[in-house]
Structure formats: C-alpha cells, structure tokens
Amino acid sequence: MQAAKQVSHDATRFDPKPVLELIDTIQAELDRLRGLVQPMVGEFDPADPRNKSCDGKLTPHGVECCYRMFDEGKSRYSVARAMKISFAAATHRFQSWAKAGGDRRPRIRLG
C-alpha cells in the first residue's frame, strides 16, 4: 500500500522547466521566421490587388513583385503560389527575370 502512495505522489510531481525551455525555443524560431517574412510584406505584397489587371494578367507592378521574389531566391513554385498564377506563368516570368539580368537587373519602384 505504501508503494502505491509513493508512485502516485511521484506521478503528480511536474517540473515545468523543460516545457518552458521548449516554449522559449519555439518562440525564438517563430520570431526568426517572422523576420524572414515581414520585410517582404512591407516592401511588396504578392496579394496586392495592383499586381493583376481585371483580366487576370500581371501588371508591371505584379511582374516586379515576381522579380523581387526571384531576387530573394524563391522558387517558381513559391512565386506561382504566392501570386496565384500558374507554374507555367511563373516559369515565363523566371525566364524573363533571368534575361533582364536576374538580381542585378534594374528595379522598378513600387508604391
């Protein structure tokens, strides 16, 4: 009987330190990820309605937005998803971006 009381008493002991350390680690990673994404949102936004014309084609603003994502090293797939365009359209923009000089091309001012 004494052993049963000892086990139940030990089972109720909880050390919060490892859990709190895990939370701190997760929060640090979330803050790092937020820092990677936030500058993109402030400078240009793939969801900006100015990126597409009424017929669904990319405007010059939208093309520059694609180019800036390629400048950051984003894949064609990532650009297609973010801009809500087809993979073929993203591939076309990637080829145009490369012909224009890639990340050394002159940038168009957004805003």
C-alpha atoms as a PDB file:
ATOM      1  CA  MET A   1       0.000   0.000   0.000  1.00  0.00           C
ATOM      2  CA  GLN A   2       2.856   2.347   0.839  1.00  0.00           C
ATOM      3  CA  ALA A   3       4.409   1.767  -2.626  1.00  0.00           C
ATOM      4  CA  ALA A   4       1.156   2.727  -4.366  1.00  0.00           C
ATOM      5  CA  LYS A   5       1.014   6.011  -2.460  1.00  0.00           C
ATOM      6  CA  GLN A   6       4.659   6.726  -3.335  1.00  0.00           C
ATOM      7  CA  VAL A   7       4.102   6.116  -7.085  1.00  0.00           C
ATOM      8  CA  SER A   8       1.000   8.304  -7.257  1.00  0.00           C
ATOM      9  CA  HIS A   9       2.787  11.065  -5.346  1.00  0.00           C
ATOM     10  CA  ASP A  10       5.791  10.926  -7.731  1.00  0.00           C
ATOM     11  CA  ALA A  11       3.495  10.891 -10.764  1.00  0.00           C
ATOM     12  CA  THR A  12       1.904  14.174  -9.665  1.00  0.00           C
ATOM     13  CA  ARG A  13       5.259  15.957  -9.472  1.00  0.00           C
ATOM     14  CA  PHE A  14       5.781  18.112 -12.532  1.00  0.00           C
ATOM     15  CA  ASP A  15       8.905  20.013 -13.496  1.00  0.00           C
ATOM     16  CA  PRO A  16       7.871  22.907 -15.744  1.00  0.00           C
ATOM     17  CA  LYS A  17      11.452  23.888 -16.644  1.00  0.00           C
ATOM     18  CA  PRO A  18      11.826  21.609 -19.730  1.00  0.00           C
ATOM     19  CA  VAL A  19       8.429  22.674 -21.064  1.00  0.00           C
ATOM     20  CA  LEU A  20       9.232  26.354 -20.578  1.00  0.00           C
ATOM     21  CA  GLU A  21      12.586  25.885 -22.326  1.00  0.00           C
ATOM     22  CA  LEU A  22      10.804  24.219 -25.235  1.00  0.00           C
ATOM     23  CA  ILE A  23       8.330  27.096 -25.453  1.00  0.00           C
ATOM     24  CA  ASP A  24      11.224  29.591 -25.490  1.00  0.00           C
ATOM     25  CA  THR A  25      12.927  27.634 -28.290  1.00  0.00           C
ATOM     26  CA  ILE A  26       9.730  27.502 -30.343  1.00  0.00           C
ATOM     27  CA  GLN A  27       9.099  31.216 -29.793  1.00  0.00           C
ATOM     28  CA  ALA A  28      12.647  32.066 -30.917  1.00  0.00           C
ATOM     29  CA  GLU A  29      12.106  30.052 -34.121  1.00  0.00           C
ATOM     30  CA  LEU A  30       8.749  31.742 -34.739  1.00  0.00           C
ATOM     31  CA  ASP A  31      10.358  35.166 -34.273  1.00  0.00           C
ATOM     32  CA  ARG A  32      13.110  34.192 -36.743  1.00  0.00           C
ATOM     33  CA  LEU A  33      10.533  33.057 -39.296  1.00  0.00           C
ATOM     34  CA  ARG A  34       8.514  36.245 -38.811  1.00  0.00           C
ATOM     35  CA  GLY A  35      11.663  38.245 -39.539  1.00  0.00           C
ATOM     36  CA  LEU A  36      12.163  36.361 -42.781  1.00  0.00           C
ATOM     37  CA  VAL A  37       8.632  37.064 -43.955  1.00  0.00           C
ATOM     38  CA  GLN A  38       7.901  40.521 -42.585  1.00  0.00           C
ATOM     39  CA  PRO A  39      10.305  42.560 -44.736  1.00  0.00           C
ATOM     40  CA  MET A  40       8.693  41.060 -47.838  1.00  0.00           C
ATOM     41  CA  VAL A  41       5.250  42.215 -46.736  1.00  0.00           C
ATOM     42  CA  GLY A  42       6.450  45.742 -46.021  1.00  0.00           C
ATOM     43  CA  GLU A  43       8.244  46.191 -49.347  1.00  0.00           C
ATOM     44  CA  PHE A  44       5.913  44.317 -51.678  1.00  0.00           C
ATOM     45  CA  ASP A  45       2.903  42.141 -51.240  1.00  0.00           C
ATOM     46  CA  PRO A  46       2.123  39.223 -53.574  1.00  0.00           C
ATOM     47  CA  ALA A  47      -1.572  39.567 -52.675  1.00  0.00           C
ATOM     48  CA  ASP A  48      -1.698  43.267 -53.599  1.00  0.00           C
ATOM     49  CA  PRO A  49      -4.643  43.812 -55.965  1.00  0.00           C
ATOM     50  CA  ARG A  50      -2.456  46.095 -58.112  1.00  0.00           C
ATOM     51  CA  ASN A  51      -0.497  43.001 -59.202  1.00  0.00           C
ATOM     52  CA  LYS A  52      -3.186  41.862 -61.636  1.00  0.00           C
ATOM     53  CA  SER A  53      -5.364  43.601 -64.180  1.00  0.00           C
ATOM     54  CA  CYS A  54      -9.100  42.967 -64.421  1.00  0.00           C
ATOM     55  CA  ASP A  55      -8.490  40.191 -66.976  1.00  0.00           C
ATOM     56  CA  GLY A  56      -6.191  38.366 -64.505  1.00  0.00           C
ATOM     57  CA  LYS A  57      -2.892  39.156 -66.234  1.00  0.00           C
ATOM     58  CA  LEU A  58       0.044  40.521 -64.279  1.00  0.00           C
ATOM     59  CA  THR A  59       0.519  44.266 -64.335  1.00  0.00           C
ATOM     60  CA  PRO A  60       4.024  45.795 -64.399  1.00  0.00           C
ATOM     61  CA  HIS A  61       3.660  46.028 -60.612  1.00  0.00           C
ATOM     62  CA  GLY A  62       2.899  42.296 -60.447  1.00  0.00           C
ATOM     63  CA  VAL A  63       5.811  41.430 -62.716  1.00  0.00           C
ATOM     64  CA  GLU A  64       8.163  43.411 -60.472  1.00  0.00           C
ATOM     65  CA  CYS A  65       6.726  41.633 -57.440  1.00  0.00           C
ATOM     66  CA  CYS A  66       7.560  38.280 -59.096  1.00  0.00           C
ATOM     67  CA  TYR A  67      11.051  39.503 -59.933  1.00  0.00           C
ATOM     68  CA  ARG A  68      11.678  40.588 -56.345  1.00  0.00           C
ATOM     69  CA  MET A  69      10.669  37.180 -55.059  1.00  0.00           C
ATOM     70  CA  PHE A  70      13.125  35.629 -57.540  1.00  0.00           C
ATOM     71  CA  ASP A  71      15.737  38.118 -56.257  1.00  0.00           C
ATOM     72  CA  GLU A  72      15.185  36.625 -52.792  1.00  0.00           C
ATOM     73  CA  GLY A  73      15.779  33.119 -54.117  1.00  0.00           C
ATOM     74  CA  LYS A  74      12.155  31.985 -54.135  1.00  0.00           C
ATOM     75  CA  SER A  75      11.345  29.062 -56.427  1.00  0.00           C
ATOM     76  CA  ARG A  76       8.991  29.286 -59.395  1.00  0.00           C
ATOM     77  CA  TYR A  77       6.557  27.139 -57.433  1.00  0.00           C
ATOM     78  CA  SER A  78       6.655  29.524 -54.461  1.00  0.00           C
ATOM     79  CA  VAL A  79       6.138  32.526 -56.717  1.00  0.00           C
ATOM     80  CA  ALA A  80       3.247  30.813 -58.502  1.00  0.00           C
ATOM     81  CA  ARG A  81       1.512  30.047 -55.206  1.00  0.00           C
ATOM     82  CA  ALA A  82       2.122  33.482 -53.682  1.00  0.00           C
ATOM     83  CA  MET A  83       0.990  35.349 -56.793  1.00  0.00           C
ATOM     84  CA  LYS A  84      -1.862  32.906 -57.555  1.00  0.00           C
ATOM     85  CA  ILE A  85      -0.590  32.312 -61.085  1.00  0.00           C
ATOM     86  CA  SER A  86       0.146  29.082 -62.934  1.00  0.00           C
ATOM     87  CA  PHE A  87       3.500  27.360 -62.718  1.00  0.00           C
ATOM     88  CA  ALA A  88       3.901  27.982 -66.471  1.00  0.00           C
ATOM     89  CA  ALA A  89       3.342  31.722 -65.938  1.00  0.00           C
ATOM     90  CA  ALA A  90       5.875  31.727 -63.098  1.00  0.00           C
ATOM     91  CA  THR A  91       8.350  29.885 -65.339  1.00  0.00           C
ATOM     92  CA  HIS A  92       7.827  32.504 -68.058  1.00  0.00           C
ATOM     93  CA  ARG A  93       8.460  35.282 -65.523  1.00  0.00           C
ATOM     94  CA  PHE A  94      11.532  33.471 -64.216  1.00  0.00           C
ATOM     95  CA  GLN A  95      12.975  33.286 -67.745  1.00  0.00           C
ATOM     96  CA  SER A  96      12.189  36.984 -68.294  1.00  0.00           C
ATOM     97  CA  TRP A  97      13.817  37.811 -64.960  1.00  0.00           C
ATOM     98  CA  ALA A  98      16.966  35.879 -65.932  1.00  0.00           C
ATOM     99  CA  LYS A  99      17.135  37.638 -69.336  1.00  0.00           C
ATOM    100  CA  ALA A 100      16.753  41.005 -67.611  1.00  0.00           C
ATOM    101  CA  GLY A 101      19.873  40.279 -65.535  1.00  0.00           C
ATOM    102  CA  GLY A 102      18.457  38.349 -62.594  1.00  0.00           C
ATOM    103  CA  ASP A 103      19.096  40.008 -59.260  1.00  0.00           C
ATOM    104  CA  ARG A 104      21.387  42.565 -60.991  1.00  0.00           C
ATOM    105  CA  ARG A 105      18.568  43.913 -63.141  1.00  0.00           C
ATOM    106  CA  PRO A 106      17.326  47.480 -62.650  1.00  0.00           C
ATOM    107  CA  ARG A 107      14.418  47.509 -60.221  1.00  0.00           C
ATOM    108  CA  ILE A 108      11.151  49.296 -60.810  1.00  0.00           C
ATOM    109  CA  ARG A 109       9.949  51.441 -57.924  1.00  0.00           C
ATOM    110  CA  LEU A 110       6.880  50.015 -56.224  1.00  0.00           C
ATOM    111  CA  GLY A 111       4.459  52.107 -54.290  1.00  0.00           C
END
